[in-house]
Amino acid sequence: MEISGAVIAAIICGVVCIGLIIYAIIRGQRRKLSTGIEDMIGKTAIVQTALNPKGTVFVEGEGEVWSAILEGKSNNTVEPEEEVIITKVAGLKLWVTKKEKEEK
């Protein structure tokens, strides 16, 4: 009994597909879980509207715009496109501090 080339190619494609599915499952299981608001603390956000001390920020990892309150001195402001660090989450508001510029 002779096996045609088309049957061999179909078997190889099937084995490759199964291998890719197994690889994707294993990779998904090893990924770090990130759930809840606790995971947001320490993340960087981009200011959307000036924080003086209230405004809005865009949280990169979440892809969402949040209301934010700037912690610290009342005369402190942060302009749009600057980065801030999330220090606290309460309800639908984030408390943030200005990210210090890194020296090179």
PDB file of N, CA and C in Angstrom:
ATOM      1  N   MET A   1       0.834  -1.170   0.000  1.00  0.00           N
ATOM      2  CA  MET A   1       0.000   0.000   0.000  1.00  0.00           C
ATOM      3  C   MET A   1       0.881   1.236   0.000  1.00  0.00           C
ATOM      4  N   GLU A   2       0.603   2.092  -0.921  1.00  0.00           N
ATOM      5  CA  GLU A   2       1.412   3.285  -1.090  1.00  0.00           C
ATOM      6  C   GLU A   2       0.645   4.498  -0.543  1.00  0.00           C
ATOM      7  N   ILE A   3       1.358   5.365   0.218  1.00  0.00           N
ATOM      8  CA  ILE A   3       0.745   6.575   0.776  1.00  0.00           C
ATOM      9  C   ILE A   3       1.116   7.740  -0.132  1.00  0.00           C
ATOM     10  N   SER A   4       0.100   8.502  -0.512  1.00  0.00           N
ATOM     11  CA  SER A   4       0.352   9.611  -1.438  1.00  0.00           C
ATOM     12  C   SER A   4       0.989  10.801  -0.710  1.00  0.00           C
ATOM     13  N   GLY A   5       1.583  11.677  -1.501  1.00  0.00           N
ATOM     14  CA  GLY A   5       2.234  12.869  -0.950  1.00  0.00           C
ATOM     15  C   GLY A   5       1.250  13.791  -0.246  1.00  0.00           C
ATOM     16  N   ALA A   6       0.005  13.863  -0.723  1.00  0.00           N
ATOM     17  CA  ALA A   6      -1.005  14.730  -0.123  1.00  0.00           C
ATOM     18  C   ALA A   6      -1.349  14.257   1.292  1.00  0.00           C
ATOM     19  N   VAL A   7      -1.410  12.959   1.494  1.00  0.00           N
ATOM     20  CA  VAL A   7      -1.717  12.409   2.825  1.00  0.00           C
ATOM     21  C   VAL A   7      -0.566  12.716   3.781  1.00  0.00           C
ATOM     22  N   ILE A   8       0.657  12.557   3.322  1.00  0.00           N
ATOM     23  CA  ILE A   8       1.825  12.853   4.158  1.00  0.00           C
ATOM     24  C   ILE A   8       1.839  14.340   4.528  1.00  0.00           C
ATOM     25  N   ALA A   9       1.558  15.213   3.573  1.00  0.00           N
ATOM     26  CA  ALA A   9       1.534  16.652   3.836  1.00  0.00           C
ATOM     27  C   ALA A   9       0.441  17.005   4.835  1.00  0.00           C
ATOM     28  N   ALA A  10      -0.712  16.369   4.730  1.00  0.00           N
ATOM     29  CA  ALA A  10      -1.821  16.628   5.658  1.00  0.00           C
ATOM     30  C   ALA A  10      -1.453  16.184   7.069  1.00  0.00           C
ATOM     31  N   ILE A  11      -0.782  15.061   7.197  1.00  0.00           N
ATOM     32  CA  ILE A  11      -0.359  14.571   8.515  1.00  0.00           C
ATOM     33  C   ILE A  11       0.660  15.522   9.124  1.00  0.00           C
ATOM     34  N   ILE A  12       1.613  15.984   8.337  1.00  0.00           N
ATOM     35  CA  ILE A  12       2.634  16.918   8.834  1.00  0.00           C
ATOM     36  C   ILE A  12       1.978  18.225   9.283  1.00  0.00           C
ATOM     37  N   CYS A  13       1.050  18.745   8.493  1.00  0.00           N
ATOM     38  CA  CYS A  13       0.347  19.979   8.865  1.00  0.00           C
ATOM     39  C   CYS A  13      -0.440  19.795  10.160  1.00  0.00           C
ATOM     40  N   GLY A  14      -1.076  18.663  10.319  1.00  0.00           N
ATOM     41  CA  GLY A  14      -1.829  18.378  11.539  1.00  0.00           C
ATOM     42  C   GLY A  14      -0.930  18.330  12.762  1.00  0.00           C
ATOM     43  N   VAL A  15       0.225  17.671  12.628  1.00  0.00           N
ATOM     44  CA  VAL A  15       1.173  17.573  13.747  1.00  0.00           C
ATOM     45  C   VAL A  15       1.705  18.967  14.106  1.00  0.00           C
ATOM     46  N   VAL A  16       2.017  19.780  13.107  1.00  0.00           N
ATOM     47  CA  VAL A  16       2.513  21.140  13.360  1.00  0.00           C
ATOM     48  C   VAL A  16       1.439  21.969  14.063  1.00  0.00           C
ATOM     49  N   CYS A  17       0.190  21.875  13.612  1.00  0.00           N
ATOM     50  CA  CYS A  17      -0.907  22.626  14.253  1.00  0.00           C
ATOM     51  C   CYS A  17      -1.087  22.214  15.704  1.00  0.00           C
ATOM     52  N   ILE A  18      -1.056  20.930  15.979  1.00  0.00           N
ATOM     53  CA  ILE A  18      -1.191  20.444  17.358  1.00  0.00           C
ATOM     54  C   ILE A  18      -0.018  20.948  18.203  1.00  0.00           C
ATOM     55  N   GLY A  19       1.178  20.928  17.648  1.00  0.00           N
ATOM     56  CA  GLY A  19       2.344  21.439  18.365  1.00  0.00           C
ATOM     57  C   GLY A  19       2.205  22.914  18.707  1.00  0.00           C
ATOM     58  N   LEU A  20       1.721  23.710  17.746  1.00  0.00           N
ATOM     59  CA  LEU A  20       1.521  25.139  17.994  1.00  0.00           C
ATOM     60  C   LEU A  20       0.458  25.391  19.065  1.00  0.00           C
ATOM     61  N   ILE A  21      -0.588  24.608  19.071  1.00  0.00           N
ATOM     62  CA  ILE A  21      -1.636  24.740  20.090  1.00  0.00           C
ATOM     63  C   ILE A  21      -1.079  24.412  21.467  1.00  0.00           C
ATOM     64  N   ILE A  22      -0.315  23.352  21.571  1.00  0.00           N
ATOM     65  CA  ILE A  22       0.294  22.980  22.857  1.00  0.00           C
ATOM     66  C   ILE A  22       1.247  24.066  23.325  1.00  0.00           C
ATOM     67  N   TYR A  23       2.049  24.631  22.415  1.00  0.00           N
ATOM     68  CA  TYR A  23       2.967  25.708  22.756  1.00  0.00           C
ATOM     69  C   TYR A  23       2.205  26.926  23.293  1.00  0.00           C
ATOM     70  N   ALA A  24       1.101  27.292  22.626  1.00  0.00           N
ATOM     71  CA  ALA A  24       0.309  28.449  23.058  1.00  0.00           C
ATOM     72  C   ALA A  24      -0.308  28.220  24.436  1.00  0.00           C
ATOM     73  N   ILE A  25      -0.758  27.013  24.705  1.00  0.00           N
ATOM     74  CA  ILE A  25      -1.335  26.697  26.013  1.00  0.00           C
ATOM     75  C   ILE A  25      -0.280  26.804  27.110  1.00  0.00           C
ATOM     76  N   ILE A  26       0.881  26.254  26.875  1.00  0.00           N
ATOM     77  CA  ILE A  26       1.958  26.309  27.870  1.00  0.00           C
ATOM     78  C   ILE A  26       2.382  27.754  28.106  1.00  0.00           C
ATOM     79  N   ARG A  27       2.526  28.523  27.050  1.00  0.00           N
ATOM     80  CA  ARG A  27       2.919  29.936  27.178  1.00  0.00           C
ATOM     81  C   ARG A  27       1.875  30.725  27.969  1.00  0.00           C
ATOM     82  N   GLY A  28       0.613  30.470  27.724  1.00  0.00           N
ATOM     83  CA  GLY A  28      -0.463  31.148  28.447  1.00  0.00           C
ATOM     84  C   GLY A  28      -0.482  30.808  29.922  1.00  0.00           C
ATOM     85  N   GLN A  29      -0.126  29.575  30.259  1.00  0.00           N
ATOM     86  CA  GLN A  29      -0.112  29.159  31.660  1.00  0.00           C
ATOM     87  C   GLN A  29       1.043  29.784  32.431  1.00  0.00           C
ATOM     88  N   ARG A  30       2.121  30.118  31.763  1.00  0.00           N
ATOM     89  CA  ARG A  30       3.294  30.693  32.426  1.00  0.00           C
ATOM     90  C   ARG A  30       3.191  32.206  32.602  1.00  0.00           C
ATOM     91  N   ARG A  31       2.249  32.844  31.921  1.00  0.00           N
ATOM     92  CA  ARG A  31       2.097  34.298  31.986  1.00  0.00           C
ATOM     93  C   ARG A  31       1.687  34.729  33.389  1.00  0.00           C
ATOM     94  N   LYS A  32       2.231  35.867  33.844  1.00  0.00           N
ATOM     95  CA  LYS A  32       1.927  36.403  35.164  1.00  0.00           C
ATOM     96  C   LYS A  32       0.478  36.862  35.211  1.00  0.00           C
ATOM     97  N   LEU A  33      -0.196  36.488  36.277  1.00  0.00           N
ATOM     98  CA  LEU A  33      -1.565  36.927  36.477  1.00  0.00           C
ATOM     99  C   LEU A  33      -1.583  38.357  36.972  1.00  0.00           C
ATOM    100  N   SER A  34      -2.425  39.168  36.410  1.00  0.00           N
ATOM    101  CA  SER A  34      -2.569  40.532  36.906  1.00  0.00           C
ATOM    102  C   SER A  34      -4.055  40.837  36.998  1.00  0.00           C
ATOM    103  N   THR A  35      -4.536  40.870  38.229  1.00  0.00           N
ATOM    104  CA  THR A  35      -5.950  41.135  38.430  1.00  0.00           C
ATOM    105  C   THR A  35      -6.126  42.119  39.560  1.00  0.00           C
ATOM    106  N   GLY A  36      -7.200  42.832  39.517  1.00  0.00           N
ATOM    107  CA  GLY A  36      -7.547  43.719  40.601  1.00  0.00           C
ATOM    108  C   GLY A  36      -6.806  45.036  40.577  1.00  0.00           C
ATOM    109  N   ILE A  37      -7.282  45.921  41.426  1.00  0.00           N
ATOM    110  CA  ILE A  37      -6.698  47.253  41.494  1.00  0.00           C
ATOM    111  C   ILE A  37      -5.347  47.257  42.185  1.00  0.00           C
ATOM    112  N   GLU A  38      -5.079  46.241  42.994  1.00  0.00           N
ATOM    113  CA  GLU A  38      -3.793  46.182  43.682  1.00  0.00           C
ATOM    114  C   GLU A  38      -2.635  46.127  42.691  1.00  0.00           C
ATOM    115  N   ASP A  39      -2.882  45.538  41.550  1.00  0.00           N
ATOM    116  CA  ASP A  39      -1.842  45.402  40.532  1.00  0.00           C
ATOM    117  C   ASP A  39      -1.494  46.745  39.886  1.00  0.00           C
ATOM    118  N   MET A  40      -2.387  47.721  39.985  1.00  0.00           N
ATOM    119  CA  MET A  40      -2.147  49.023  39.356  1.00  0.00           C
ATOM    120  C   MET A  40      -1.151  49.872  40.147  1.00  0.00           C
ATOM    121  N   ILE A  41      -1.049  49.634  41.445  1.00  0.00           N
ATOM    122  CA  ILE A  41      -0.158  50.435  42.283  1.00  0.00           C
ATOM    123  C   ILE A  41       1.284  50.231  41.831  1.00  0.00           C
ATOM    124  N   GLY A  42       1.973  51.348  41.600  1.00  0.00           N
ATOM    125  CA  GLY A  42       3.352  51.303  41.136  1.00  0.00           C
ATOM    126  C   GLY A  42       3.492  51.424  39.623  1.00  0.00           C
ATOM    127  N   LYS A  43       2.387  51.307  38.894  1.00  0.00           N
ATOM    128  CA  LYS A  43       2.440  51.434  37.439  1.00  0.00           C
ATOM    129  C   LYS A  43       2.570  52.898  37.035  1.00  0.00           C
ATOM    130  N   THR A  44       3.043  53.097  35.820  1.00  0.00           N
ATOM    131  CA  THR A  44       3.183  54.434  35.263  1.00  0.00           C
ATOM    132  C   THR A  44       1.925  54.790  34.482  1.00  0.00           C
ATOM    133  N   ALA A  45       1.512  56.053  34.598  1.00  0.00           N
ATOM    134  CA  ALA A  45       0.373  56.565  33.835  1.00  0.00           C
ATOM    135  C   ALA A  45       0.811  57.846  33.128  1.00  0.00           C
ATOM    136  N   ILE A  46       0.154  58.164  32.034  1.00  0.00           N
ATOM    137  CA  ILE A  46       0.436  59.378  31.262  1.00  0.00           C
ATOM    138  C   ILE A  46      -0.692  60.382  31.527  1.00  0.00           C
ATOM    139  N   VAL A  47      -0.325  61.601  31.876  1.00  0.00           N
ATOM    140  CA  VAL A  47      -1.317  62.630  32.174  1.00  0.00           C
ATOM    141  C   VAL A  47      -2.021  63.043  30.880  1.00  0.00           C
ATOM    142  N   GLN A  48      -3.365  63.041  30.916  1.00  0.00           N
ATOM    143  CA  GLN A  48      -4.168  63.457  29.760  1.00  0.00           C
ATOM    144  C   GLN A  48      -4.596  64.916  29.891  1.00  0.00           C
ATOM    145  N   THR A  49      -5.149  65.282  31.058  1.00  0.00           N
ATOM    146  CA  THR A  49      -5.486  66.679  31.342  1.00  0.00           C
ATOM    147  C   THR A  49      -4.683  67.078  32.564  1.00  0.00           C
ATOM    148  N   ALA A  50      -4.228  68.314  32.605  1.00  0.00           N
ATOM    149  CA  ALA A  50      -3.333  68.795  33.665  1.00  0.00           C
ATOM    150  C   ALA A  50      -3.861  68.417  35.048  1.00  0.00           C
ATOM    151  N   LEU A  51      -2.967  67.914  35.883  1.00  0.00           N
ATOM    152  CA  LEU A  51      -3.303  67.570  37.267  1.00  0.00           C
ATOM    153  C   LEU A  51      -2.989  68.782  38.134  1.00  0.00           C
ATOM    154  N   ASN A  52      -4.050  69.406  38.673  1.00  0.00           N
ATOM    155  CA  ASN A  52      -3.857  70.617  39.456  1.00  0.00           C
ATOM    156  C   ASN A  52      -4.866  70.693  40.588  1.00  0.00           C
ATOM    157  N   PRO A  53      -4.978  69.911  41.563  1.00  0.00           N
ATOM    158  CA  PRO A  53      -4.393  68.585  41.703  1.00  0.00           C
ATOM    159  C   PRO A  53      -5.216  67.482  41.047  1.00  0.00           C
ATOM    160  N   LYS A  54      -6.430  67.830  40.498  1.00  0.00           N
ATOM    161  CA  LYS A  54      -7.270  66.803  39.880  1.00  0.00           C
ATOM    162  C   LYS A  54      -7.174  66.883  38.362  1.00  0.00           C
ATOM    163  N   GLY A  55      -7.346  65.735  37.727  1.00  0.00           N
ATOM    164  CA  GLY A  55      -7.323  65.669  36.271  1.00  0.00           C
ATOM    165  C   GLY A  55      -7.551  64.237  35.833  1.00  0.00           C
ATOM    166  N   THR A  56      -7.118  63.900  34.618  1.00  0.00           N
ATOM    167  CA  THR A  56      -7.265  62.534  34.118  1.00  0.00           C
ATOM    168  C   THR A  56      -5.920  62.010  33.635  1.00  0.00           C
ATOM    169  N   VAL A  57      -5.767  60.688  33.743  1.00  0.00           N
ATOM    170  CA  VAL A  57      -4.542  60.026  33.305  1.00  0.00           C
ATOM    171  C   VAL A  57      -4.906  58.804  32.479  1.00  0.00           C
ATOM    172  N   PHE A  58      -3.978  58.398  31.626  1.00  0.00           N
ATOM    173  CA  PHE A  58      -4.125  57.199  30.807  1.00  0.00           C
ATOM    174  C   PHE A  58      -3.193  56.143  31.376  1.00  0.00           C
ATOM    175  N   VAL A  59      -3.775  55.027  31.827  1.00  0.00           N
ATOM    176  CA  VAL A  59      -2.977  53.939  32.390  1.00  0.00           C
ATOM    177  C   VAL A  59      -2.586  53.015  31.251  1.00  0.00           C
ATOM    178  N   GLU A  60      -1.273  52.910  30.995  1.00  0.00           N
ATOM    179  CA  GLU A  60      -0.759  52.176  29.837  1.00  0.00           C
ATOM    180  C   GLU A  60      -1.218  50.723  29.793  1.00  0.00           C
ATOM    181  N   GLY A  61      -0.984  49.993  30.864  1.00  0.00           N
ATOM    182  CA  GLY A  61      -1.294  48.568  30.863  1.00  0.00           C
ATOM    183  C   GLY A  61      -2.774  48.277  30.760  1.00  0.00           C
ATOM    184  N   GLU A  62      -3.596  49.168  31.284  1.00  0.00           N
ATOM    185  CA  GLU A  62      -5.036  48.947  31.278  1.00  0.00           C
ATOM    186  C   GLU A  62      -5.697  49.514  30.027  1.00  0.00           C
ATOM    187  N   GLY A  63      -5.041  50.487  29.383  1.00  0.00           N
ATOM    188  CA  GLY A  63      -5.605  51.101  28.196  1.00  0.00           C
ATOM    189  C   GLY A  63      -6.849  51.915  28.499  1.00  0.00           C
ATOM    190  N   GLU A  64      -6.921  52.495  29.697  1.00  0.00           N
ATOM    191  CA  GLU A  64      -8.105  53.233  30.117  1.00  0.00           C
ATOM    192  C   GLU A  64      -7.726  54.604  30.647  1.00  0.00           C
ATOM    193  N   VAL A  65      -8.681  55.539  30.555  1.00  0.00           N
ATOM    194  CA  VAL A  65      -8.509  56.864  31.135  1.00  0.00           C
ATOM    195  C   VAL A  65      -9.189  56.868  32.501  1.00  0.00           C
ATOM    196  N   TRP A  66      -8.455  57.344  33.517  1.00  0.00           N
ATOM    197  CA  TRP A  66      -8.946  57.371  34.896  1.00  0.00           C
ATOM    198  C   TRP A  66      -8.908  58.791  35.438  1.00  0.00           C
ATOM    199  N   SER A  67      -9.801  59.079  36.379  1.00  0.00           N
ATOM    200  CA  SER A  67      -9.716  60.317  37.149  1.00  0.00           C
ATOM    201  C   SER A  67      -8.566  60.155  38.117  1.00  0.00           C
ATOM    202  N   ALA A  68      -7.799  61.231  38.316  1.00  0.00           N
ATOM    203  CA  ALA A  68      -6.634  61.125  39.185  1.00  0.00           C
ATOM    204  C   ALA A  68      -6.521  62.362  40.064  1.00  0.00           C
ATOM    205  N   ILE A  69      -5.912  62.155  41.234  1.00  0.00           N
ATOM    206  CA  ILE A  69      -5.630  63.239  42.160  1.00  0.00           C
ATOM    207  C   ILE A  69      -4.138  63.208  42.440  1.00  0.00           C
ATOM    208  N   LEU A  70      -3.502  64.353  42.294  1.00  0.00           N
ATOM    209  CA  LEU A  70      -2.067  64.469  42.517  1.00  0.00           C
ATOM    210  C   LEU A  70      -1.793  64.623  44.002  1.00  0.00           C
ATOM    211  N   GLU A  71      -0.964  63.753  44.544  1.00  0.00           N
ATOM    212  CA  GLU A  71      -0.588  63.830  45.958  1.00  0.00           C
ATOM    213  C   GLU A  71       0.548  64.829  46.121  1.00  0.00           C
ATOM    214  N   GLY A  72       0.647  65.365  47.296  1.00  0.00           N
ATOM    215  CA  GLY A  72       1.754  66.274  47.571  1.00  0.00           C
ATOM    216  C   GLY A  72       1.290  67.692  47.758  1.00  0.00           C
ATOM    217  N   LYS A  73       2.178  68.633  47.489  1.00  0.00           N
ATOM    218  CA  LYS A  73       1.910  70.056  47.696  1.00  0.00           C
ATOM    219  C   LYS A  73       0.760  70.524  46.817  1.00  0.00           C
ATOM    220  N   SER A  74      -0.056  71.420  47.375  1.00  0.00           N
ATOM    221  CA  SER A  74      -1.232  71.886  46.644  1.00  0.00           C
ATOM    222  C   SER A  74      -0.871  72.783  45.464  1.00  0.00           C
ATOM    223  N   ASN A  75       0.313  73.403  45.466  1.00  0.00           N
ATOM    224  CA  ASN A  75       0.709  74.256  44.345  1.00  0.00           C
ATOM    225  C   ASN A  75       1.447  73.484  43.257  1.00  0.00           C
ATOM    226  N   ASN A  76       1.515  72.178  43.400  1.00  0.00           N
ATOM    227  CA  ASN A  76       2.199  71.312  42.449  1.00  0.00           C
ATOM    228  C   ASN A  76       1.254  70.977  41.294  1.00  0.00           C
ATOM    229  N   THR A  77       1.730  71.045  40.053  1.00  0.00           N
ATOM    230  CA  THR A  77       0.921  70.655  38.894  1.00  0.00           C
ATOM    231  C   THR A  77       1.743  69.743  37.994  1.00  0.00           C
ATOM    232  N   VAL A  78       1.036  68.935  37.226  1.00  0.00           N
ATOM    233  CA  VAL A  78       1.676  68.073  36.238  1.00  0.00           C
ATOM    234  C   VAL A  78       0.963  68.324  34.919  1.00  0.00           C
ATOM    235  N   GLU A  79       1.723  68.597  33.892  1.00  0.00           N
ATOM    236  CA  GLU A  79       1.181  68.938  32.577  1.00  0.00           C
ATOM    237  C   GLU A  79       0.886  67.679  31.759  1.00  0.00           C
ATOM    238  N   PRO A  80       0.001  67.789  30.741  1.00  0.00           N
ATOM    239  CA  PRO A  80      -0.290  66.640  29.870  1.00  0.00           C
ATOM    240  C   PRO A  80       0.974  66.067  29.239  1.00  0.00           C
ATOM    241  N   GLU A  81       0.956  64.759  29.004  1.00  0.00           N
ATOM    242  CA  GLU A  81       2.042  63.970  28.411  1.00  0.00           C
ATOM    243  C   GLU A  81       3.171  63.660  29.391  1.00  0.00           C
ATOM    244  N   GLU A  82       3.128  64.188  30.620  1.00  0.00           N
ATOM    245  CA  GLU A  82       4.126  63.825  31.618  1.00  0.00           C
ATOM    246  C   GLU A  82       3.714  62.504  32.268  1.00  0.00           C
ATOM    247  N   GLU A  83       4.679  61.833  32.881  1.00  0.00           N
ATOM    248  CA  GLU A  83       4.411  60.550  33.519  1.00  0.00           C
ATOM    249  C   GLU A  83       4.232  60.719  35.018  1.00  0.00           C
ATOM    250  N   VAL A  84       3.318  59.913  35.569  1.00  0.00           N
ATOM    251  CA  VAL A  84       3.087  59.873  37.004  1.00  0.00           C
ATOM    252  C   VAL A  84       3.067  58.423  37.453  1.00  0.00           C
ATOM    253  N   ILE A  85       3.254  58.203  38.751  1.00  0.00           N
ATOM    254  CA  ILE A  85       3.237  56.861  39.333  1.00  0.00           C
ATOM    255  C   ILE A  85       1.974  56.715  40.182  1.00  0.00           C
ATOM    256  N   ILE A  86       1.263  55.623  40.016  1.00  0.00           N
ATOM    257  CA  ILE A  86       0.051  55.362  40.785  1.00  0.00           C
ATOM    258  C   ILE A  86       0.450  54.892  42.183  1.00  0.00           C
ATOM    259  N   THR A  87      -0.073  55.575  43.218  1.00  0.00           N
ATOM    260  CA  THR A  87       0.265  55.220  44.596  1.00  0.00           C
ATOM    261  C   THR A  87      -0.913  54.618  45.358  1.00  0.00           C
ATOM    262  N   LYS A  88      -2.134  54.916  44.905  1.00  0.00           N
ATOM    263  CA  LYS A  88      -3.312  54.441  45.628  1.00  0.00           C
ATOM    264  C   LYS A  88      -4.492  54.391  44.672  1.00  0.00           C
ATOM    265  N   VAL A  89      -5.378  53.433  44.886  1.00  0.00           N
ATOM    266  CA  VAL A  89      -6.604  53.328  44.097  1.00  0.00           C
ATOM    267  C   VAL A  89      -7.769  53.270  45.071  1.00  0.00           C
ATOM    268  N   ALA A  90      -8.742  54.148  44.879  1.00  0.00           N
ATOM    269  CA  ALA A  90      -9.942  54.150  45.715  1.00  0.00           C
ATOM    270  C   ALA A  90     -11.146  54.385  44.818  1.00  0.00           C
ATOM    271  N   GLY A  91     -11.990  53.390  44.715  1.00  0.00           N
ATOM    272  CA  GLY A  91     -13.139  53.505  43.829  1.00  0.00           C
ATOM    273  C   GLY A  91     -12.678  53.649  42.392  1.00  0.00           C
ATOM    274  N   LEU A  92     -13.108  54.730  41.758  1.00  0.00           N
ATOM    275  CA  LEU A  92     -12.724  54.978  40.370  1.00  0.00           C
ATOM    276  C   LEU A  92     -11.709  56.105  40.254  1.00  0.00           C
ATOM    277  N   LYS A  93     -11.012  56.402  41.349  1.00  0.00           N
ATOM    278  CA  LYS A  93      -9.984  57.453  41.340  1.00  0.00           C
ATOM    279  C   LYS A  93      -8.624  56.880  41.679  1.00  0.00           C
ATOM    280  N   LEU A  94      -7.623  57.467  41.040  1.00  0.00           N
ATOM    281  CA  LEU A  94      -6.239  57.091  41.307  1.00  0.00           C
ATOM    282  C   LEU A  94      -5.549  58.238  42.019  1.00  0.00           C
ATOM    283  N   TRP A  95      -4.722  57.928  42.987  1.00  0.00           N
ATOM    284  CA  TRP A  95      -3.842  58.915  43.600  1.00  0.00           C
ATOM    285  C   TRP A  95      -2.481  58.700  42.981  1.00  0.00           C
ATOM    286  N   VAL A  96      -1.862  59.772  42.525  1.00  0.00           N
ATOM    287  CA  VAL A  96      -0.600  59.657  41.798  1.00  0.00           C
ATOM    288  C   VAL A  96       0.427  60.648  42.334  1.00  0.00           C
ATOM    289  N   THR A  97       1.695  60.350  42.050  1.00  0.00           N
ATOM    290  CA  THR A  97       2.785  61.282  42.335  1.00  0.00           C
ATOM    291  C   THR A  97       3.561  61.491  41.045  1.00  0.00           C
ATOM    292  N   LYS A  98       4.191  62.653  40.953  1.00  0.00           N
ATOM    293  CA  LYS A  98       4.953  62.978  39.758  1.00  0.00           C
ATOM    294  C   LYS A  98       6.169  62.069  39.670  1.00  0.00           C
ATOM    295  N   LYS A  99       6.423  61.537  38.488  1.00  0.00           N
ATOM    296  CA  LYS A  99       7.578  60.672  38.274  1.00  0.00           C
ATOM    297  C   LYS A  99       8.811  61.546  38.134  1.00  0.00           C
ATOM    298  N   GLU A 100       9.803  61.235  38.928  1.00  0.00           N
ATOM    299  CA  GLU A 100      11.052  61.997  38.876  1.00  0.00           C
ATOM    300  C   GLU A 100      11.799  61.637  37.601  1.00  0.00           C
ATOM    301  N   LYS A 101      12.406  62.611  36.980  1.00  0.00           N
ATOM    302  CA  LYS A 101      13.182  62.360  35.774  1.00  0.00           C
ATOM    303  C   LYS A 101      14.453  61.605  36.133  1.00  0.00           C
ATOM    304  N   GLU A 102      14.734  60.576  35.346  1.00  0.00           N
ATOM    305  CA  GLU A 102      15.929  59.762  35.578  1.00  0.00           C
ATOM    306  C   GLU A 102      17.142  60.460  35.012  1.00  0.00           C
ATOM    307  N   GLU A 103      18.207  60.491  35.807  1.00  0.00           N
ATOM    308  CA  GLU A 103      19.453  61.085  35.329  1.00  0.00           C
ATOM    309  C   GLU A 103      20.234  60.060  34.545  1.00  0.00           C
ATOM    310  N   LYS A 104      20.843  60.495  33.456  1.00  0.00           N
ATOM    311  CA  LYS A 104      21.567  59.566  32.605  1.00  0.00           C
ATOM    312  C   LYS A 104      23.054  59.684  32.849  1.00  0.00           C
TER     313      LYS A 104
END
